[in-house]
Amino acid sequence: MSWHESQPRVSPVTAGLRCRCPRCGESPLFDGLLQVRRRCGVCGLDLRAADSGDGPAVFIILILGAVVTLAAILLESAVGPPLWVHAALWPVVIVAGAIGMLRPAKALLIALQYRYNAREAGLHDDG
């Protein structure tokens, strides 16, 4: 089966946040932490064309960076902890937040690509 066929539509947001197949919404999208499965175990959708690229990572870096920076400023102004507290706290928050947010962000982007039949751009001669 090809990447995009007419099937009952699953909400890209629901499929993305649940990290499920963008067509049926049932089978897990990932094999491991971030490796996309080759094929859906329920509907048989070929997922080899699913490529989210660096988009999810960029969004996560920007969002998480802003949140952590704001939280560090608020903690510093409210409590004024020693520097070692910041050095111990924020790397753990950043790593946990990045891992926790990257899977659903990648799945959401793949589900949106499926919904809107996004393809890699290329040059071709129409004439």
PDB file of N, CA and C in Angstrom:
ATOM      1  N   MET A   1       0.840  -1.186   0.000  1.00  0.00           N
ATOM      2  CA  MET A   1       0.000   0.000   0.000  1.00  0.00           C
ATOM      3  C   MET A   1       0.879   1.240   0.000  1.00  0.00           C
ATOM      4  N   SER A   2       0.419   2.250  -0.663  1.00  0.00           N
ATOM      5  CA  SER A   2       1.228   3.462  -0.772  1.00  0.00           C
ATOM      6  C   SER A   2       1.092   4.321   0.484  1.00  0.00           C
ATOM      7  N   TRP A   3       1.904   5.360   0.519  1.00  0.00           N
ATOM      8  CA  TRP A   3       1.961   6.249   1.680  1.00  0.00           C
ATOM      9  C   TRP A   3       0.627   6.919   1.950  1.00  0.00           C
ATOM     10  N   HIS A   4      -0.099   7.315   0.928  1.00  0.00           N
ATOM     11  CA  HIS A   4      -1.340   8.038   1.173  1.00  0.00           C
ATOM     12  C   HIS A   4      -2.455   7.458   0.310  1.00  0.00           C
ATOM     13  N   GLU A   5      -3.447   6.876   0.950  1.00  0.00           N
ATOM     14  CA  GLU A   5      -4.620   6.355   0.265  1.00  0.00           C
ATOM     15  C   GLU A   5      -5.856   6.810   1.019  1.00  0.00           C
ATOM     16  N   SER A   6      -6.989   6.761   0.361  1.00  0.00           N
ATOM     17  CA  SER A   6      -8.209   7.177   1.057  1.00  0.00           C
ATOM     18  C   SER A   6      -8.623   6.080   2.033  1.00  0.00           C
ATOM     19  N   GLN A   7      -8.617   6.420   3.284  1.00  0.00           N
ATOM     20  CA  GLN A   7      -9.000   5.541   4.380  1.00  0.00           C
ATOM     21  C   GLN A   7      -9.777   6.375   5.385  1.00  0.00           C
ATOM     22  N   PRO A   8     -10.427   5.739   6.328  1.00  0.00           N
ATOM     23  CA  PRO A   8     -11.047   6.540   7.384  1.00  0.00           C
ATOM     24  C   PRO A   8      -9.986   7.409   8.045  1.00  0.00           C
ATOM     25  N   ARG A   9     -10.285   8.677   8.196  1.00  0.00           N
ATOM     26  CA  ARG A   9      -9.294   9.621   8.694  1.00  0.00           C
ATOM     27  C   ARG A   9      -9.225   9.611  10.214  1.00  0.00           C
ATOM     28  N   VAL A  10      -8.000   9.592  10.688  1.00  0.00           N
ATOM     29  CA  VAL A  10      -7.706   9.718  12.103  1.00  0.00           C
ATOM     30  C   VAL A  10      -7.149  11.126  12.292  1.00  0.00           C
ATOM     31  N   SER A  11      -7.511  11.776  13.365  1.00  0.00           N
ATOM     32  CA  SER A  11      -6.997  13.118  13.623  1.00  0.00           C
ATOM     33  C   SER A  11      -5.477  13.072  13.736  1.00  0.00           C
ATOM     34  N   PRO A  12      -4.758  13.931  12.999  1.00  0.00           N
ATOM     35  CA  PRO A  12      -3.301  13.943  13.109  1.00  0.00           C
ATOM     36  C   PRO A  12      -2.827  14.271  14.527  1.00  0.00           C
ATOM     37  N   VAL A  13      -3.577  15.103  15.218  1.00  0.00           N
ATOM     38  CA  VAL A  13      -3.199  15.460  16.581  1.00  0.00           C
ATOM     39  C   VAL A  13      -3.330  14.246  17.493  1.00  0.00           C
ATOM     40  N   THR A  14      -4.436  13.522  17.373  1.00  0.00           N
ATOM     41  CA  THR A  14      -4.639  12.325  18.187  1.00  0.00           C
ATOM     42  C   THR A  14      -3.580  11.275  17.876  1.00  0.00           C
ATOM     43  N   ALA A  15      -3.370  11.003  16.597  1.00  0.00           N
ATOM     44  CA  ALA A  15      -2.367  10.006  16.208  1.00  0.00           C
ATOM     45  C   ALA A  15      -0.974  10.442  16.651  1.00  0.00           C
ATOM     46  N   GLY A  16      -0.668  11.734  16.509  1.00  0.00           N
ATOM     47  CA  GLY A  16       0.647  12.236  16.887  1.00  0.00           C
ATOM     48  C   GLY A  16       0.895  12.164  18.372  1.00  0.00           C
ATOM     49  N   LEU A  17      -0.036  12.634  19.171  1.00  0.00           N
ATOM     50  CA  LEU A  17       0.158  12.641  20.620  1.00  0.00           C
ATOM     51  C   LEU A  17       0.162  11.236  21.209  1.00  0.00           C
ATOM     52  N   ARG A  18      -0.538  10.314  20.562  1.00  0.00           N
ATOM     53  CA  ARG A  18      -0.532   8.919  21.019  1.00  0.00           C
ATOM     54  C   ARG A  18       0.601   8.117  20.384  1.00  0.00           C
ATOM     55  N   CYS A  19       1.348   8.738  19.443  1.00  0.00           N
ATOM     56  CA  CYS A  19       2.449   8.079  18.727  1.00  0.00           C
ATOM     57  C   CYS A  19       1.959   6.815  18.030  1.00  0.00           C
ATOM     58  N   ARG A  20       0.876   6.965  17.282  1.00  0.00           N
ATOM     59  CA  ARG A  20       0.260   5.844  16.574  1.00  0.00           C
ATOM     60  C   ARG A  20       0.294   6.062  15.069  1.00  0.00           C
ATOM     61  N   CYS A  21      -0.074   5.038  14.332  1.00  0.00           N
ATOM     62  CA  CYS A  21      -0.113   5.083  12.871  1.00  0.00           C
ATOM     63  C   CYS A  21      -0.983   6.253  12.413  1.00  0.00           C
ATOM     64  N   PRO A  22      -0.523   7.041  11.433  1.00  0.00           N
ATOM     65  CA  PRO A  22      -1.317   8.188  10.987  1.00  0.00           C
ATOM     66  C   PRO A  22      -2.569   7.805  10.205  1.00  0.00           C
ATOM     67  N   ARG A  23      -2.656   6.572   9.704  1.00  0.00           N
ATOM     68  CA  ARG A  23      -3.845   6.174   8.958  1.00  0.00           C
ATOM     69  C   ARG A  23      -4.900   5.543   9.857  1.00  0.00           C
ATOM     70  N   CYS A  24      -4.527   4.512  10.625  1.00  0.00           N
ATOM     71  CA  CYS A  24      -5.519   3.792  11.428  1.00  0.00           C
ATOM     72  C   CYS A  24      -5.554   4.244  12.885  1.00  0.00           C
ATOM     73  N   GLY A  25      -4.473   4.834  13.372  1.00  0.00           N
ATOM     74  CA  GLY A  25      -4.428   5.291  14.757  1.00  0.00           C
ATOM     75  C   GLY A  25      -4.310   4.179  15.770  1.00  0.00           C
ATOM     76  N   GLU A  26      -3.989   2.962  15.327  1.00  0.00           N
ATOM     77  CA  GLU A  26      -3.962   1.817  16.238  1.00  0.00           C
ATOM     78  C   GLU A  26      -2.547   1.346  16.574  1.00  0.00           C
ATOM     79  N   SER A  27      -1.763   1.050  15.569  1.00  0.00           N
ATOM     80  CA  SER A  27      -0.435   0.462  15.782  1.00  0.00           C
ATOM     81  C   SER A  27       0.568   1.518  16.233  1.00  0.00           C
ATOM     82  N   PRO A  28       1.506   1.157  17.129  1.00  0.00           N
ATOM     83  CA  PRO A  28       2.555   2.115  17.511  1.00  0.00           C
ATOM     84  C   PRO A  28       3.360   2.551  16.287  1.00  0.00           C
ATOM     85  N   LEU A  29       3.713   3.822  16.249  1.00  0.00           N
ATOM     86  CA  LEU A  29       4.461   4.379  15.127  1.00  0.00           C
ATOM     87  C   LEU A  29       5.947   4.054  15.227  1.00  0.00           C
ATOM     88  N   PHE A  30       6.452   3.934  16.445  1.00  0.00           N
ATOM     89  CA  PHE A  30       7.890   3.788  16.646  1.00  0.00           C
ATOM     90  C   PHE A  30       8.286   2.371  17.034  1.00  0.00           C
ATOM     91  N   ASP A  31       9.456   1.998  16.571  1.00  0.00           N
ATOM     92  CA  ASP A  31      10.144   0.778  16.960  1.00  0.00           C
ATOM     93  C   ASP A  31      11.329   1.245  17.790  1.00  0.00           C
ATOM     94  N   GLY A  32      11.218   1.273  19.079  1.00  0.00           N
ATOM     95  CA  GLY A  32      12.273   1.832  19.907  1.00  0.00           C
ATOM     96  C   GLY A  32      11.947   3.271  20.265  1.00  0.00           C
ATOM     97  N   LEU A  33      12.983   4.036  20.592  1.00  0.00           N
ATOM     98  CA  LEU A  33      12.756   5.407  21.059  1.00  0.00           C
ATOM     99  C   LEU A  33      12.273   6.337  19.954  1.00  0.00           C
ATOM    100  N   LEU A  34      13.003   6.409  18.830  1.00  0.00           N
ATOM    101  CA  LEU A  34      12.630   7.328  17.754  1.00  0.00           C
ATOM    102  C   LEU A  34      12.652   6.696  16.366  1.00  0.00           C
ATOM    103  N   GLN A  35      12.891   5.409  16.277  1.00  0.00           N
ATOM    104  CA  GLN A  35      12.951   4.723  14.978  1.00  0.00           C
ATOM    105  C   GLN A  35      11.535   4.429  14.485  1.00  0.00           C
ATOM    106  N   VAL A  36      11.162   4.983  13.339  1.00  0.00           N
ATOM    107  CA  VAL A  36       9.831   4.764  12.772  1.00  0.00           C
ATOM    108  C   VAL A  36       9.768   3.343  12.199  1.00  0.00           C
ATOM    109  N   ARG A  37       8.665   2.656  12.480  1.00  0.00           N
ATOM    110  CA  ARG A  37       8.459   1.298  11.939  1.00  0.00           C
ATOM    111  C   ARG A  37       8.441   1.341  10.412  1.00  0.00           C
ATOM    112  N   ARG A  38       8.754   0.216   9.805  1.00  0.00           N
ATOM    113  CA  ARG A  38       8.723   0.126   8.345  1.00  0.00           C
ATOM    114  C   ARG A  38       7.287   0.029   7.833  1.00  0.00           C
ATOM    115  N   ARG A  39       6.410  -0.605   8.607  1.00  0.00           N
ATOM    116  CA  ARG A  39       5.034  -0.856   8.170  1.00  0.00           C
ATOM    117  C   ARG A  39       4.124  -0.905   9.402  1.00  0.00           C
ATOM    118  N   CYS A  40       2.913  -0.397   9.254  1.00  0.00           N
ATOM    119  CA  CYS A  40       1.928  -0.465  10.343  1.00  0.00           C
ATOM    120  C   CYS A  40       1.516  -1.916  10.546  1.00  0.00           C
ATOM    121  N   GLY A  41       1.479  -2.349  11.783  1.00  0.00           N
ATOM    122  CA  GLY A  41       1.101  -3.722  12.098  1.00  0.00           C
ATOM    123  C   GLY A  41      -0.382  -3.992  11.966  1.00  0.00           C
ATOM    124  N   VAL A  42      -1.220  -2.962  11.894  1.00  0.00           N
ATOM    125  CA  VAL A  42      -2.667  -3.147  11.815  1.00  0.00           C
ATOM    126  C   VAL A  42      -3.175  -2.950  10.385  1.00  0.00           C
ATOM    127  N   CYS A  43      -2.901  -1.787   9.786  1.00  0.00           N
ATOM    128  CA  CYS A  43      -3.448  -1.491   8.451  1.00  0.00           C
ATOM    129  C   CYS A  43      -2.454  -1.734   7.321  1.00  0.00           C
ATOM    130  N   GLY A  44      -1.184  -1.997   7.650  1.00  0.00           N
ATOM    131  CA  GLY A  44      -0.194  -2.293   6.631  1.00  0.00           C
ATOM    132  C   GLY A  44       0.379  -1.081   5.917  1.00  0.00           C
ATOM    133  N   LEU A  45       0.132   0.134   6.420  1.00  0.00           N
ATOM    134  CA  LEU A  45       0.657   1.337   5.777  1.00  0.00           C
ATOM    135  C   LEU A  45       2.179   1.291   5.730  1.00  0.00           C
ATOM    136  N   ASP A  46       2.737   1.541   4.560  1.00  0.00           N
ATOM    137  CA  ASP A  46       4.183   1.581   4.370  1.00  0.00           C
ATOM    138  C   ASP A  46       4.692   2.909   4.938  1.00  0.00           C
ATOM    139  N   LEU A  47       5.453   2.842   6.023  1.00  0.00           N
ATOM    140  CA  LEU A  47       5.917   4.045   6.703  1.00  0.00           C
ATOM    141  C   LEU A  47       7.343   4.423   6.330  1.00  0.00           C
ATOM    142  N   ARG A  48       7.926   3.757   5.336  1.00  0.00           N
ATOM    143  CA  ARG A  48       9.303   4.069   4.952  1.00  0.00           C
ATOM    144  C   ARG A  48       9.437   5.482   4.409  1.00  0.00           C
ATOM    145  N   ALA A  49       8.368   6.049   3.855  1.00  0.00           N
ATOM    146  CA  ALA A  49       8.427   7.411   3.322  1.00  0.00           C
ATOM    147  C   ALA A  49       8.279   8.461   4.420  1.00  0.00           C
ATOM    148  N   ALA A  50       7.939   8.030   5.629  1.00  0.00           N
ATOM    149  CA  ALA A  50       7.739   8.973   6.738  1.00  0.00           C
ATOM    150  C   ALA A  50       9.085   9.507   7.203  1.00  0.00           C
ATOM    151  N   ASP A  51       9.276  10.812   7.017  1.00  0.00           N
ATOM    152  CA  ASP A  51      10.530  11.439   7.428  1.00  0.00           C
ATOM    153  C   ASP A  51      10.209  12.821   7.960  1.00  0.00           C
ATOM    154  N   SER A  52      10.389  12.988   9.255  1.00  0.00           N
ATOM    155  CA  SER A  52      10.083  14.289   9.852  1.00  0.00           C
ATOM    156  C   SER A  52      11.273  15.231   9.806  1.00  0.00           C
ATOM    157  N   GLY A  53      12.441  14.725   9.438  1.00  0.00           N
ATOM    158  CA  GLY A  53      13.626  15.569   9.345  1.00  0.00           C
ATOM    159  C   GLY A  53      13.999  16.162  10.695  1.00  0.00           C
ATOM    160  N   ASP A  54      14.495  17.394  10.667  1.00  0.00           N
ATOM    161  CA  ASP A  54      14.926  18.068  11.888  1.00  0.00           C
ATOM    162  C   ASP A  54      13.848  18.972  12.469  1.00  0.00           C
ATOM    163  N   GLY A  55      12.691  19.037  11.843  1.00  0.00           N
ATOM    164  CA  GLY A  55      11.635  19.933  12.298  1.00  0.00           C
ATOM    165  C   GLY A  55      11.247  19.767  13.752  1.00  0.00           C
ATOM    166  N   PRO A  56      10.925  18.546  14.198  1.00  0.00           N
ATOM    167  CA  PRO A  56      10.541  18.383  15.602  1.00  0.00           C
ATOM    168  C   PRO A  56      11.640  18.796  16.572  1.00  0.00           C
ATOM    169  N   ALA A  57      12.878  18.472  16.260  1.00  0.00           N
ATOM    170  CA  ALA A  57      13.978  18.830  17.155  1.00  0.00           C
ATOM    171  C   ALA A  57      14.126  20.343  17.276  1.00  0.00           C
ATOM    172  N   VAL A  58      13.949  21.047  16.179  1.00  0.00           N
ATOM    173  CA  VAL A  58      14.051  22.512  16.206  1.00  0.00           C
ATOM    174  C   VAL A  58      12.947  23.099  17.075  1.00  0.00           C
ATOM    175  N   PHE A  59      11.709  22.626  16.888  1.00  0.00           N
ATOM    176  CA  PHE A  59      10.610  23.117  17.712  1.00  0.00           C
ATOM    177  C   PHE A  59      10.862  22.841  19.193  1.00  0.00           C
ATOM    178  N   ILE A  60      11.312  21.636  19.506  1.00  0.00           N
ATOM    179  CA  ILE A  60      11.548  21.254  20.896  1.00  0.00           C
ATOM    180  C   ILE A  60      12.667  22.107  21.493  1.00  0.00           C
ATOM    181  N   ILE A  61      13.735  22.322  20.748  1.00  0.00           N
ATOM    182  CA  ILE A  61      14.839  23.146  21.259  1.00  0.00           C
ATOM    183  C   ILE A  61      14.356  24.555  21.580  1.00  0.00           C
ATOM    184  N   LEU A  62      13.595  25.146  20.677  1.00  0.00           N
ATOM    185  CA  LEU A  62      13.116  26.516  20.895  1.00  0.00           C
ATOM    186  C   LEU A  62      12.134  26.603  22.058  1.00  0.00           C
ATOM    187  N   ILE A  63      11.179  25.697  22.106  1.00  0.00           N
ATOM    188  CA  ILE A  63      10.174  25.719  23.170  1.00  0.00           C
ATOM    189  C   ILE A  63      10.806  25.398  24.521  1.00  0.00           C
ATOM    190  N   LEU A  64      11.566  24.313  24.579  1.00  0.00           N
ATOM    191  CA  LEU A  64      12.187  23.905  25.834  1.00  0.00           C
ATOM    192  C   LEU A  64      13.208  24.935  26.309  1.00  0.00           C
ATOM    193  N   GLY A  65      13.949  25.514  25.396  1.00  0.00           N
ATOM    194  CA  GLY A  65      14.915  26.547  25.764  1.00  0.00           C
ATOM    195  C   GLY A  65      14.247  27.748  26.403  1.00  0.00           C
ATOM    196  N   ALA A  66      13.135  28.177  25.841  1.00  0.00           N
ATOM    197  CA  ALA A  66      12.407  29.323  26.405  1.00  0.00           C
ATOM    198  C   ALA A  66      11.835  28.992  27.775  1.00  0.00           C
ATOM    199  N   VAL A  67      11.259  27.812  27.914  1.00  0.00           N
ATOM    200  CA  VAL A  67      10.657  27.407  29.194  1.00  0.00           C
ATOM    201  C   VAL A  67      11.715  27.267  30.281  1.00  0.00           C
ATOM    202  N   VAL A  68      12.820  26.609  29.964  1.00  0.00           N
ATOM    203  CA  VAL A  68      13.876  26.403  30.956  1.00  0.00           C
ATOM    204  C   VAL A  68      14.541  27.733  31.325  1.00  0.00           C
ATOM    205  N   THR A  69      14.757  28.587  30.361  1.00  0.00           N
ATOM    206  CA  THR A  69      15.350  29.890  30.666  1.00  0.00           C
ATOM    207  C   THR A  69      14.444  30.700  31.596  1.00  0.00           C
ATOM    208  N   LEU A  70      13.162  30.727  31.300  1.00  0.00           N
ATOM    209  CA  LEU A  70      12.214  31.437  32.158  1.00  0.00           C
ATOM    210  C   LEU A  70      12.183  30.822  33.558  1.00  0.00           C
ATOM    211  N   ALA A  71      12.142  29.496  33.631  1.00  0.00           N
ATOM    212  CA  ALA A  71      12.120  28.823  34.935  1.00  0.00           C
ATOM    213  C   ALA A  71      13.394  29.102  35.730  1.00  0.00           C
ATOM    214  N   ALA A  72      14.549  29.109  35.070  1.00  0.00           N
ATOM    215  CA  ALA A  72      15.817  29.386  35.758  1.00  0.00           C
ATOM    216  C   ALA A  72      15.842  30.822  36.280  1.00  0.00           C
ATOM    217  N   ILE A  73      15.341  31.752  35.497  1.00  0.00           N
ATOM    218  CA  ILE A  73      15.290  33.157  35.939  1.00  0.00           C
ATOM    219  C   ILE A  73      14.344  33.305  37.124  1.00  0.00           C
ATOM    220  N   LEU A  74      13.180  32.656  37.048  1.00  0.00           N
ATOM    221  CA  LEU A  74      12.232  32.732  38.158  1.00  0.00           C
ATOM    222  C   LEU A  74      12.798  32.091  39.424  1.00  0.00           C
ATOM    223  N   LEU A  75      13.452  30.946  39.296  1.00  0.00           N
ATOM    224  CA  LEU A  75      14.060  30.284  40.455  1.00  0.00           C
ATOM    225  C   LEU A  75      15.147  31.159  41.059  1.00  0.00           C
ATOM    226  N   GLU A  76      15.961  31.736  40.211  1.00  0.00           N
ATOM    227  CA  GLU A  76      17.056  32.588  40.692  1.00  0.00           C
ATOM    228  C   GLU A  76      16.520  33.824  41.412  1.00  0.00           C
ATOM    229  N   SER A  77      15.492  34.438  40.847  1.00  0.00           N
ATOM    230  CA  SER A  77      14.969  35.652  41.481  1.00  0.00           C
ATOM    231  C   SER A  77      14.167  35.353  42.744  1.00  0.00           C
ATOM    232  N   ALA A  78      13.506  34.202  42.817  1.00  0.00           N
ATOM    233  CA  ALA A  78      12.685  33.877  43.977  1.00  0.00           C
ATOM    234  C   ALA A  78      13.504  33.309  45.141  1.00  0.00           C
ATOM    235  N   VAL A  79      14.457  32.428  44.844  1.00  0.00           N
ATOM    236  CA  VAL A  79      15.174  31.708  45.896  1.00  0.00           C
ATOM    237  C   VAL A  79      16.645  32.089  45.949  1.00  0.00           C
ATOM    238  N   GLY A  80      17.245  32.324  44.812  1.00  0.00           N
ATOM    239  CA  GLY A  80      18.669  32.632  44.750  1.00  0.00           C
ATOM    240  C   GLY A  80      19.545  31.470  45.192  1.00  0.00           C
ATOM    241  N   PRO A  81      19.334  30.292  44.628  1.00  0.00           N
ATOM    242  CA  PRO A  81      20.117  29.121  45.055  1.00  0.00           C
ATOM    243  C   PRO A  81      21.565  29.230  44.596  1.00  0.00           C
ATOM    244  N   PRO A  82      22.450  28.419  45.185  1.00  0.00           N
ATOM    245  CA  PRO A  82      23.838  28.407  44.717  1.00  0.00           C
ATOM    246  C   PRO A  82      23.917  27.928  43.258  1.00  0.00           C
ATOM    247  N   LEU A  83      25.003  28.252  42.607  1.00  0.00           N
ATOM    248  CA  LEU A  83      25.185  27.905  41.203  1.00  0.00           C
ATOM    249  C   LEU A  83      25.124  26.402  40.956  1.00  0.00           C
ATOM    250  N   TRP A  84      25.588  25.607  41.908  1.00  0.00           N
ATOM    251  CA  TRP A  84      25.585  24.152  41.706  1.00  0.00           C
ATOM    252  C   TRP A  84      24.162  23.601  41.585  1.00  0.00           C
ATOM    253  N   VAL A  85      23.177  24.268  42.192  1.00  0.00           N
ATOM    254  CA  VAL A  85      21.786  23.821  42.075  1.00  0.00           C
ATOM    255  C   VAL A  85      21.324  23.966  40.620  1.00  0.00           C
ATOM    256  N   HIS A  86      21.641  25.094  40.010  1.00  0.00           N
ATOM    257  CA  HIS A  86      21.310  25.279  38.591  1.00  0.00           C
ATOM    258  C   HIS A  86      22.042  24.248  37.735  1.00  0.00           C
ATOM    259  N   ALA A  87      23.323  24.029  38.034  1.00  0.00           N
ATOM    260  CA  ALA A  87      24.137  23.086  37.250  1.00  0.00           C
ATOM    261  C   ALA A  87      23.626  21.656  37.373  1.00  0.00           C
ATOM    262  N   ALA A  88      23.034  21.311  38.499  1.00  0.00           N
ATOM    263  CA  ALA A  88      22.514  19.959  38.695  1.00  0.00           C
ATOM    264  C   ALA A  88      21.078  19.816  38.186  1.00  0.00           C
ATOM    265  N   LEU A  89      20.284  20.857  38.325  1.00  0.00           N
ATOM    266  CA  LEU A  89      18.859  20.779  38.013  1.00  0.00           C
ATOM    267  C   LEU A  89      18.539  20.877  36.524  1.00  0.00           C
ATOM    268  N   TRP A  90      19.045  21.892  35.847  1.00  0.00           N
ATOM    269  CA  TRP A  90      18.596  22.179  34.485  1.00  0.00           C
ATOM    270  C   TRP A  90      19.025  21.168  33.434  1.00  0.00           C
ATOM    271  N   PRO A  91      20.215  20.567  33.505  1.00  0.00           N
ATOM    272  CA  PRO A  91      20.510  19.521  32.516  1.00  0.00           C
ATOM    273  C   PRO A  91      19.551  18.327  32.600  1.00  0.00           C
ATOM    274  N   VAL A  92      19.147  17.966  33.802  1.00  0.00           N
ATOM    275  CA  VAL A  92      18.199  16.855  33.967  1.00  0.00           C
ATOM    276  C   VAL A  92      16.836  17.241  33.384  1.00  0.00           C
ATOM    277  N   VAL A  93      16.396  18.458  33.667  1.00  0.00           N
ATOM    278  CA  VAL A  93      15.114  18.927  33.140  1.00  0.00           C
ATOM    279  C   VAL A  93      15.148  18.994  31.613  1.00  0.00           C
ATOM    280  N   ILE A  94      16.251  19.470  31.061  1.00  0.00           N
ATOM    281  CA  ILE A  94      16.368  19.599  29.609  1.00  0.00           C
ATOM    282  C   ILE A  94      16.360  18.233  28.925  1.00  0.00           C
ATOM    283  N   VAL A  95      17.146  17.290  29.436  1.00  0.00           N
ATOM    284  CA  VAL A  95      17.202  15.960  28.816  1.00  0.00           C
ATOM    285  C   VAL A  95      15.852  15.252  28.937  1.00  0.00           C
ATOM    286  N   ALA A  96      15.259  15.278  30.122  1.00  0.00           N
ATOM    287  CA  ALA A  96      13.956  14.632  30.313  1.00  0.00           C
ATOM    288  C   ALA A  96      12.879  15.299  29.446  1.00  0.00           C
ATOM    289  N   GLY A  97      12.883  16.609  29.394  1.00  0.00           N
ATOM    290  CA  GLY A  97      11.907  17.323  28.576  1.00  0.00           C
ATOM    291  C   GLY A  97      12.077  17.055  27.093  1.00  0.00           C
ATOM    292  N   ALA A  98      13.319  17.023  26.633  1.00  0.00           N
ATOM    293  CA  ALA A  98      13.575  16.770  25.210  1.00  0.00           C
ATOM    294  C   ALA A  98      13.128  15.368  24.816  1.00  0.00           C
ATOM    295  N   ILE A  99      13.469  14.388  25.633  1.00  0.00           N
ATOM    296  CA  ILE A  99      13.069  13.012  25.321  1.00  0.00           C
ATOM    297  C   ILE A  99      11.550  12.876  25.391  1.00  0.00           C
ATOM    298  N   GLY A 100      10.937  13.473  26.404  1.00  0.00           N
ATOM    299  CA  GLY A 100       9.490  13.375  26.561  1.00  0.00           C
ATOM    300  C   GLY A 100       8.706  14.084  25.474  1.00  0.00           C
ATOM    301  N   MET A 101       9.254  15.151  24.930  1.00  0.00           N
ATOM    302  CA  MET A 101       8.535  15.938  23.932  1.00  0.00           C
ATOM    303  C   MET A 101       8.866  15.542  22.493  1.00  0.00           C
ATOM    304  N   LEU A 102      10.018  14.920  22.262  1.00  0.00           N
ATOM    305  CA  LEU A 102      10.450  14.649  20.895  1.00  0.00           C
ATOM    306  C   LEU A 102       9.623  13.563  20.210  1.00  0.00           C
ATOM    307  N   ARG A 103       9.285  12.500  20.925  1.00  0.00           N
ATOM    308  CA  ARG A 103       8.480  11.441  20.309  1.00  0.00           C
ATOM    309  C   ARG A 103       7.131  11.951  19.811  1.00  0.00           C
ATOM    310  N   PRO A 104       6.321  12.600  20.667  1.00  0.00           N
ATOM    311  CA  PRO A 104       5.037  13.090  20.157  1.00  0.00           C
ATOM    312  C   PRO A 104       5.182  14.159  19.073  1.00  0.00           C
ATOM    313  N   ALA A 105       6.215  14.997  19.164  1.00  0.00           N
ATOM    314  CA  ALA A 105       6.414  16.025  18.137  1.00  0.00           C
ATOM    315  C   ALA A 105       6.751  15.383  16.789  1.00  0.00           C
ATOM    316  N   LYS A 106       7.600  14.376  16.812  1.00  0.00           N
ATOM    317  CA  LYS A 106       7.964  13.680  15.573  1.00  0.00           C
ATOM    318  C   LYS A 106       6.742  12.941  15.012  1.00  0.00           C
ATOM    319  N   ALA A 107       5.982  12.277  15.880  1.00  0.00           N
ATOM    320  CA  ALA A 107       4.785  11.557  15.438  1.00  0.00           C
ATOM    321  C   ALA A 107       3.735  12.517  14.884  1.00  0.00           C
ATOM    322  N   LEU A 108       3.586  13.687  15.511  1.00  0.00           N
ATOM    323  CA  LEU A 108       2.630  14.678  15.029  1.00  0.00           C
ATOM    324  C   LEU A 108       3.023  15.187  13.644  1.00  0.00           C
ATOM    325  N   LEU A 109       4.289  15.463  13.428  1.00  0.00           N
ATOM    326  CA  LEU A 109       4.728  15.941  12.125  1.00  0.00           C
ATOM    327  C   LEU A 109       4.535  14.872  11.049  1.00  0.00           C
ATOM    328  N   ILE A 110       4.799  13.618  11.380  1.00  0.00           N
ATOM    329  CA  ILE A 110       4.575  12.525  10.429  1.00  0.00           C
ATOM    330  C   ILE A 110       3.089  12.388  10.119  1.00  0.00           C
ATOM    331  N   ALA A 111       2.234  12.495  11.141  1.00  0.00           N
ATOM    332  CA  ALA A 111       0.784  12.409  10.922  1.00  0.00           C
ATOM    333  C   ALA A 111       0.281  13.559  10.057  1.00  0.00           C
ATOM    334  N   LEU A 112       0.834  14.754  10.260  1.00  0.00           N
ATOM    335  CA  LEU A 112       0.446  15.900   9.414  1.00  0.00           C
ATOM    336  C   LEU A 112       0.936  15.720   7.981  1.00  0.00           C
ATOM    337  N   GLN A 113       2.127  15.174   7.810  1.00  0.00           N
ATOM    338  CA  GLN A 113       2.623  14.887   6.461  1.00  0.00           C
ATOM    339  C   GLN A 113       1.712  13.886   5.771  1.00  0.00           C
ATOM    340  N   TYR A 114       1.270  12.877   6.497  1.00  0.00           N
ATOM    341  CA  TYR A 114       0.368  11.877   5.915  1.00  0.00           C
ATOM    342  C   TYR A 114      -0.967  12.523   5.542  1.00  0.00           C
ATOM    343  N   ARG A 115      -1.524  13.308   6.454  1.00  0.00           N
ATOM    344  CA  ARG A 115      -2.838  13.926   6.228  1.00  0.00           C
ATOM    345  C   ARG A 115      -2.833  14.807   4.990  1.00  0.00           C
ATOM    346  N   TYR A 116      -1.773  15.582   4.825  1.00  0.00           N
ATOM    347  CA  TYR A 116      -1.731  16.536   3.715  1.00  0.00           C
ATOM    348  C   TYR A 116      -0.899  16.037   2.534  1.00  0.00           C
ATOM    349  N   ASN A 117      -0.576  14.758   2.534  1.00  0.00           N
ATOM    350  CA  ASN A 117       0.126  14.098   1.432  1.00  0.00           C
ATOM    351  C   ASN A 117       1.409  14.843   1.059  1.00  0.00           C
ATOM    352  N   ALA A 118       2.176  15.239   2.079  1.00  0.00           N
ATOM    353  CA  ALA A 118       3.422  15.973   1.852  1.00  0.00           C
ATOM    354  C   ALA A 118       4.469  15.042   1.265  1.00  0.00           C
ATOM    355  N   ARG A 119       5.218  15.539   0.337  1.00  0.00           N
ATOM    356  CA  ARG A 119       6.289  14.791  -0.329  1.00  0.00           C
ATOM    357  C   ARG A 119       7.553  15.619  -0.336  1.00  0.00           C
ATOM    358  N   GLU A 120       8.660  14.959  -0.557  1.00  0.00           N
ATOM    359  CA  GLU A 120       9.925  15.657  -0.699  1.00  0.00           C
ATOM    360  C   GLU A 120       9.900  16.451  -2.001  1.00  0.00           C
ATOM    361  N   ALA A 121      10.356  17.672  -1.934  1.00  0.00           N
ATOM    362  CA  ALA A 121      10.385  18.509  -3.131  1.00  0.00           C
ATOM    363  C   ALA A 121      11.454  18.009  -4.086  1.00  0.00           C
ATOM    364  N   GLY A 122      11.198  18.161  -5.346  1.00  0.00           N
ATOM    365  CA  GLY A 122      12.173  17.737  -6.346  1.00  0.00           C
ATOM    366  C   GLY A 122      11.974  18.504  -7.640  1.00  0.00           C
ATOM    367  N   LEU A 123      12.969  18.434  -8.490  1.00  0.00           N
ATOM    368  CA  LEU A 123      12.872  19.085  -9.788  1.00  0.00           C
ATOM    369  C   LEU A 123      12.439  18.055 -10.824  1.00  0.00           C
ATOM    370  N   HIS A 124      11.522  18.426 -11.650  1.00  0.00           N
ATOM    371  CA  HIS A 124      11.120  17.553 -12.745  1.00  0.00           C
ATOM    372  C   HIS A 124      10.701  18.415 -13.931  1.00  0.00           C
ATOM    373  N   ASP A 125      10.767  17.832 -15.082  1.00  0.00           N
ATOM    374  CA  ASP A 125      10.473  18.542 -16.311  1.00  0.00           C
ATOM    375  C   ASP A 125       9.046  18.217 -16.721  1.00  0.00           C
ATOM    376  N   ASP A 126       8.154  19.221 -16.700  1.00  0.00           N
ATOM    377  CA  ASP A 126       6.764  19.007 -17.094  1.00  0.00           C
ATOM    378  C   ASP A 126       6.554  19.188 -18.606  1.00  0.00           C
ATOM    379  N   GLY A 127       7.578  19.618 -19.285  1.00  0.00           N
ATOM    380  CA  GLY A 127       7.390  19.949 -20.687  1.00  0.00           C
ATOM    381  C   GLY A 127       7.945  18.930 -21.586  1.00  0.00           C
TER     382      GLY A 127
END
